[in-house]
């Protein structure tokens, strides 16, 4: 596993739990035990943006929800979210969302969704879809996937997967997609994304699999050694797999076992260099030379 991944996850947890405090690169780097210069490079490589940009974008995501769900004045939102003025907030917000805050509030007010939503969520059951995603697994009838504009990591909404009526701990469902592997054969690919959980009793995780034409598993990881459980703030997780010769299909998604709810956002699927360690689950085992313990005495 990438030696910096756990460090960055700890930093993201720190940011999420201190989001509106006076923090920046120096505070985050200090917590990681690295110089600001070194940590700037590490964080940007792992997350895809600088520490300062990440903090700003997370605050802006929160303000987008506040704008859509409350009547709090824009000046109060600006100052409450750490901007020195309404003008600075408006410039930053428009750069990310393409609209000034007031216009955004009018166009995307959550009241517009009330006729087809529950608690702000846009429900997607087995007969409807979230574009590009499939709800499947061992017990999909006991789960629900959809789009949630009230819990956002970045942008205007996140995806969610939650239990409705699971009875057993081993019941599960996954929100997934799959596509042809042709463009990625011979490459090392990284699937990453931000995950937030609420009352996950068993576990949830990202997963990724590479199959050949007869559906043999060539590469696979479901974060079995780093599962997510309980109630956790937004954090980034990733899987890195090779796509070997003979690969035909790549599948990935988020899986939820048992009760709970998981939100996902800001997914990326990208090629990485060979210095990035793979997370492939080793399913091979050493074959014995002859049978042993036939009487079950050992």
Protein backbone atom coordinates (compact mmCIF):
# COMPACT_ATOMS: atom_id res chain seq x y z
CA UNK A 1 0.00 0.00 0.00
CA UNK A 2 1.21 3.53 -0.73
CA UNK A 3 3.06 4.65 2.44
CA UNK A 4 1.51 8.11 2.18
CA UNK A 5 -2.12 6.95 1.82
CA UNK A 6 -2.77 6.43 5.53
CA UNK A 7 -1.06 9.72 6.32
CA UNK A 8 -3.29 11.58 3.88
CA UNK A 9 -6.40 9.83 5.25
CA UNK A 10 -5.48 11.02 8.75
CA UNK A 11 -5.02 14.54 7.39
CA UNK A 12 -8.40 14.47 5.65
CA UNK A 13 -10.02 13.34 8.90
CA UNK A 14 -8.33 16.26 10.68
CA UNK A 15 -9.56 18.70 8.03
CA UNK A 16 -13.13 17.38 8.12
CA UNK A 17 -13.30 17.61 11.91
CA UNK A 18 -11.72 21.11 12.02
CA UNK A 19 -13.15 22.47 8.77
CA UNK A 20 -14.13 25.91 10.06
CA UNK A 21 -11.13 26.48 12.26
CA UNK A 22 -8.14 28.55 11.18
CA UNK A 23 -6.22 25.75 9.45
CA UNK A 24 -4.08 25.63 6.33
CA UNK A 25 -1.11 23.84 4.82
CA UNK A 26 1.20 24.43 7.79
CA UNK A 27 -1.24 22.99 10.34
CA UNK A 28 -2.05 19.94 8.22
CA UNK A 29 1.61 19.29 7.36
CA UNK A 30 2.59 19.63 11.01
CA UNK A 31 0.05 17.00 12.00
CA UNK A 32 1.56 14.68 9.39
CA UNK A 33 5.11 15.34 10.61
CA UNK A 34 6.34 16.68 7.25
CA UNK A 35 7.54 20.04 6.00
CA UNK A 36 4.87 22.15 4.25
CA UNK A 37 6.84 21.95 0.99
CA UNK A 38 7.05 18.13 1.08
CA UNK A 39 3.50 17.66 2.27
CA UNK A 40 2.12 19.98 -0.41
CA UNK A 41 3.49 17.62 -3.06
CA UNK A 42 2.28 14.46 -1.27
CA UNK A 43 -1.26 15.77 -0.71
CA UNK A 44 -1.63 17.10 -4.23
CA UNK A 45 -0.54 13.80 -5.75
CA UNK A 46 -2.92 11.75 -3.58
CA UNK A 47 -5.98 14.03 -3.61
CA UNK A 48 -5.61 15.86 -6.91
CA UNK A 49 -5.57 19.36 -5.44
CA UNK A 50 -3.67 21.39 -2.87
CA UNK A 51 -4.53 21.45 0.83
CA UNK A 52 -5.72 25.06 0.54
CA UNK A 53 -7.94 24.28 -2.45
CA UNK A 54 -9.37 21.21 -0.72
CA UNK A 55 -10.33 23.17 2.39
CA UNK A 56 -11.85 25.95 0.28
CA UNK A 57 -13.84 23.52 -1.88
CA UNK A 58 -15.14 21.61 1.15
CA UNK A 59 -16.32 24.84 2.75
CA UNK A 60 -17.95 25.86 -0.51
CA UNK A 61 -19.73 22.48 -0.71
CA UNK A 62 -21.17 23.09 2.74
CA UNK A 63 -22.27 26.59 1.73
CA UNK A 64 -24.04 25.17 -1.34
CA UNK A 65 -26.16 22.99 0.96
CA UNK A 66 -26.85 25.91 3.31
CA UNK A 67 -27.92 28.06 0.35
CA UNK A 68 -30.28 25.39 -0.93
CA UNK A 69 -31.87 24.45 2.39
CA UNK A 70 -32.03 27.65 4.48
CA UNK A 71 -32.82 31.36 4.22
CA UNK A 72 -29.64 32.46 5.99
CA UNK A 73 -28.26 35.64 4.46
CA UNK A 74 -25.36 35.33 2.04
CA UNK A 75 -23.20 37.70 4.10
CA UNK A 76 -23.73 35.57 7.22
CA UNK A 77 -22.91 32.42 5.25
CA UNK A 78 -19.77 34.08 3.87
CA UNK A 79 -18.41 35.07 7.27
CA UNK A 80 -19.52 31.86 8.98
CA UNK A 81 -17.64 29.76 6.44
CA UNK A 82 -14.37 31.63 6.83
CA UNK A 83 -14.44 34.16 3.98
CA UNK A 84 -13.32 37.69 4.76
CA UNK A 85 -16.16 39.28 2.79
CA UNK A 86 -19.26 38.52 0.77
CA UNK A 87 -17.43 39.61 -2.37
CA UNK A 88 -14.61 37.11 -1.79
CA UNK A 89 -17.16 34.37 -1.12
CA UNK A 90 -19.12 35.22 -4.27
CA UNK A 91 -15.97 35.10 -6.43
CA UNK A 92 -14.89 31.75 -5.00
CA UNK A 93 -18.38 30.26 -5.21
CA UNK A 94 -18.92 31.36 -8.81
CA UNK A 95 -15.55 29.93 -9.83
CA UNK A 96 -16.59 26.46 -8.60
CA UNK A 97 -20.34 26.44 -9.34
CA UNK A 98 -20.52 28.76 -12.34
CA UNK A 99 -23.20 30.90 -10.69
CA UNK A 100 -23.24 33.57 -7.97
CA UNK A 101 -24.69 32.34 -4.65
CA UNK A 102 -28.02 34.16 -4.96
CA UNK A 103 -28.73 32.77 -8.42
CA UNK A 104 -27.63 29.29 -7.31
CA UNK A 105 -30.08 29.46 -4.39
CA UNK A 106 -33.00 30.32 -6.65
CA UNK A 107 -32.25 27.65 -9.25
CA UNK A 108 -31.40 24.75 -6.93
CA UNK A 109 -33.53 25.33 -3.84
CA UNK A 110 -34.25 21.96 -2.23
CA UNK A 111 -37.97 22.78 -2.12
CA UNK A 112 -37.95 22.01 -5.85
CA UNK A 113 -37.24 18.37 -5.00
CA UNK A 114 -39.87 17.89 -2.30
CA UNK A 115 -42.48 16.33 -4.61
CA UNK A 116 -40.19 13.42 -5.46
CA UNK A 117 -37.84 13.21 -2.53
CA UNK A 118 -37.67 12.10 1.08
CA UNK A 119 -35.51 14.14 3.43
CA UNK A 120 -33.82 15.80 0.46
CA UNK A 121 -32.73 12.51 -1.11
CA UNK A 122 -33.70 11.63 -4.65
CA UNK A 123 -34.71 8.01 -4.30
CA UNK A 124 -33.69 5.43 -6.88
CA UNK A 125 -35.25 1.99 -6.41
CA UNK A 126 -34.73 -1.16 -8.44
CA UNK A 127 -36.91 0.09 -11.29
CA UNK A 128 -35.10 3.39 -11.82
CA UNK A 129 -31.46 4.31 -12.24
CA UNK A 130 -28.65 6.61 -11.28
CA UNK A 131 -27.05 7.29 -14.65
CA UNK A 132 -24.24 4.81 -15.28
CA UNK A 133 -24.75 2.86 -12.03
CA UNK A 134 -26.38 -0.49 -11.22
CA UNK A 135 -27.89 -1.64 -7.92
CA UNK A 136 -27.12 -5.33 -7.45
CA UNK A 137 -25.58 -7.74 -4.93
CA UNK A 138 -26.88 -10.54 -2.74
CA UNK A 139 -29.96 -8.68 -1.48
CA UNK A 140 -30.54 -5.55 -3.60
CA UNK A 141 -34.25 -5.56 -2.73
CA UNK A 142 -33.29 -4.61 0.84
CA UNK A 143 -31.23 -1.61 -0.22
CA UNK A 144 -31.71 1.69 -1.98
CA UNK A 145 -29.38 3.85 -4.04
CA UNK A 146 -29.89 7.41 -5.15
CA UNK A 147 -28.67 10.98 -5.37
CA UNK A 148 -28.48 13.20 -2.28
CA UNK A 149 -28.16 16.99 -2.73
CA UNK A 150 -28.05 17.52 1.05
CA UNK A 151 -24.80 15.63 1.72
CA UNK A 152 -22.13 16.74 -0.72
CA UNK A 153 -18.38 16.39 -0.81
CA UNK A 154 -17.96 18.56 -3.90
CA UNK A 155 -20.39 19.75 -6.54
CA UNK A 156 -24.17 19.73 -6.22
CA UNK A 157 -24.92 16.17 -5.01
CA UNK A 158 -23.48 12.85 -3.93
CA UNK A 159 -24.51 9.25 -4.51
CA UNK A 160 -25.75 7.09 -1.67
CA UNK A 161 -26.41 3.45 -0.85
CA UNK A 162 -28.40 2.54 2.25
CA UNK A 163 -30.12 -0.39 3.89
CA UNK A 164 -33.91 -0.44 4.03
CA UNK A 165 -34.80 -3.79 5.59
CA UNK A 166 -31.70 -6.02 5.90
CA UNK A 167 -32.32 -8.85 8.36
CA UNK A 168 -28.95 -10.60 8.49
CA UNK A 169 -25.41 -9.32 8.87
CA UNK A 170 -24.32 -11.10 5.68
CA UNK A 171 -26.90 -9.35 3.48
CA UNK A 172 -25.31 -6.88 1.09
CA UNK A 173 -25.76 -4.75 -2.00
CA UNK A 174 -23.48 -2.80 -4.24
CA UNK A 175 -23.78 0.33 -6.34
CA UNK A 176 -21.53 -0.47 -9.29
CA UNK A 177 -20.67 -0.07 -12.94
CA UNK A 178 -18.65 -2.05 -15.47
CA UNK A 179 -17.05 -1.35 -18.81
CA UNK A 180 -14.74 -2.84 -21.42
CA UNK A 181 -11.10 -3.18 -20.42
CA UNK A 182 -9.70 -2.69 -23.94
CA UNK A 183 -8.37 0.86 -23.42
CA UNK A 184 -6.64 -0.05 -20.17
CA UNK A 185 -4.88 -3.35 -20.93
CA UNK A 186 -1.24 -3.21 -19.82
CA UNK A 187 -1.85 -0.25 -17.52
CA UNK A 188 -1.96 0.15 -13.76
CA UNK A 189 -5.25 1.82 -12.82
CA UNK A 190 -6.34 3.60 -9.65
CA UNK A 191 -9.97 3.85 -8.57
CA UNK A 192 -10.38 6.42 -5.80
CA UNK A 193 -13.18 8.34 -4.20
CA UNK A 194 -14.52 10.04 -1.10
CA UNK A 195 -16.74 8.09 1.26
CA UNK A 196 -18.85 9.13 4.26
CA UNK A 197 -20.75 6.66 6.44
CA UNK A 198 -23.55 6.64 9.01
CA UNK A 199 -24.18 3.78 11.42
CA UNK A 200 -22.60 1.08 9.26
CA UNK A 201 -22.94 -1.91 11.58
CA UNK A 202 -20.86 -4.44 9.62
CA UNK A 203 -18.71 -2.77 6.96
CA UNK A 204 -18.64 -1.02 3.62
CA UNK A 205 -15.86 -0.45 1.12
CA UNK A 206 -14.89 0.44 -2.39
CA UNK A 207 -14.14 -2.52 -4.65
CA UNK A 208 -12.70 -3.16 -8.09
CA UNK A 209 -12.32 -6.30 -10.23
CA UNK A 210 -10.72 -7.19 -13.56
CA UNK A 211 -12.12 -10.24 -15.41
CA UNK A 212 -11.28 -12.06 -18.63
CA UNK A 213 -13.77 -13.13 -21.33
CA UNK A 214 -14.92 -16.21 -19.41
CA UNK A 215 -15.36 -14.20 -16.19
CA UNK A 216 -12.27 -15.52 -14.43
CA UNK A 217 -11.05 -12.99 -11.88
CA UNK A 218 -7.61 -11.66 -12.86
CA UNK A 219 -7.32 -8.84 -10.31
CA UNK A 220 -9.51 -7.99 -7.34
CA UNK A 221 -9.63 -5.84 -4.20
CA UNK A 222 -12.55 -5.10 -1.87
CA UNK A 223 -10.60 -3.39 0.92
CA UNK A 224 -11.00 -6.51 3.08
CA UNK A 225 -7.95 -5.44 5.08
CA UNK A 226 -9.10 -1.83 5.52
CA UNK A 227 -12.93 -1.86 5.84
CA UNK A 228 -15.01 1.19 6.77
CA UNK A 229 -17.55 0.94 9.59
CA UNK A 230 -19.47 3.07 12.05
CA UNK A 231 -20.07 6.76 11.40
CA UNK A 232 -17.18 8.43 9.58
CA UNK A 233 -16.71 11.86 7.97
CA UNK A 234 -15.73 12.27 4.32
CA UNK A 235 -12.40 10.64 3.59
CA UNK A 236 -10.58 9.37 0.52
CA UNK A 237 -10.00 5.69 -0.21
CA UNK A 238 -8.45 3.97 -3.22
CA UNK A 239 -7.78 0.71 -5.00
CA UNK A 240 -4.91 0.10 -7.43
CA UNK A 241 -4.94 -2.86 -9.83
CA UNK A 242 -3.07 -3.92 -12.93
CA UNK A 243 -5.08 -4.67 -16.07
CA UNK A 244 -3.16 -7.65 -17.52
CA UNK A 245 -3.25 -9.12 -21.01
CA UNK A 246 -6.48 -11.00 -21.56
CA UNK A 247 -8.56 -8.56 -19.52
CA UNK A 248 -12.07 -8.03 -20.88
CA UNK A 249 -14.18 -6.28 -18.23
CA UNK A 250 -13.46 -3.85 -15.39
CA UNK A 251 -16.03 -3.51 -12.62
CA UNK A 252 -16.00 -1.19 -9.61
CA UNK A 253 -18.26 0.37 -7.05
CA UNK A 254 -19.15 0.66 -3.37
CA UNK A 255 -20.49 -2.24 -1.34
CA UNK A 256 -22.48 -2.19 1.91
CA UNK A 257 -22.87 -5.22 4.19
CA UNK A 258 -25.69 -5.16 6.72
CA UNK A 259 -27.33 -2.02 8.07
CA UNK A 260 -26.20 1.53 7.53
CA UNK A 261 -25.76 4.21 4.92
CA UNK A 262 -22.84 5.26 2.77
CA UNK A 263 -22.39 8.37 0.64
CA UNK A 264 -19.86 8.51 -2.22
CA UNK A 265 -18.56 11.42 -4.27
CA UNK A 266 -15.62 12.71 -6.31
CA UNK A 267 -14.70 9.34 -7.83
CA UNK A 268 -11.68 9.16 -10.13
CA UNK A 269 -10.44 6.37 -12.42
CA UNK A 270 -6.93 7.08 -13.66
CA UNK A 271 -3.68 5.49 -14.77
CA UNK A 272 -0.78 5.52 -12.30
CA UNK A 273 2.88 4.64 -12.70
CA UNK A 274 4.51 1.36 -11.73
CA UNK A 275 5.91 2.89 -8.54
CA UNK A 276 2.37 2.99 -7.13
CA UNK A 277 1.81 -0.26 -5.15
CA UNK A 278 -1.13 -2.44 -6.17
CA UNK A 279 -3.75 -3.41 -3.59
CA UNK A 280 -4.65 -6.70 -5.31
CA UNK A 281 -6.03 -9.38 -2.97
CA UNK A 282 -3.85 -12.45 -3.34
CA UNK A 283 -6.19 -15.39 -3.86
CA UNK A 284 -3.50 -17.90 -4.71
CA UNK A 285 -2.42 -20.55 -2.24
CA UNK A 286 0.47 -23.00 -2.01
CA UNK A 287 -0.51 -26.46 -3.26
CA UNK A 288 0.67 -29.39 -1.14
CA UNK A 289 2.72 -32.28 -2.54
CA UNK A 290 0.41 -34.93 -1.05
CA UNK A 291 -2.81 -35.22 1.03
CA UNK A 292 -2.56 -34.59 4.78
CA UNK A 293 -4.65 -35.03 7.96
CA UNK A 294 -7.04 -37.52 6.38
CA UNK A 295 -8.22 -38.74 9.81
CA UNK A 296 -8.81 -35.21 11.14
CA UNK A 297 -6.59 -35.84 14.15
CA UNK A 298 -4.40 -32.80 13.80
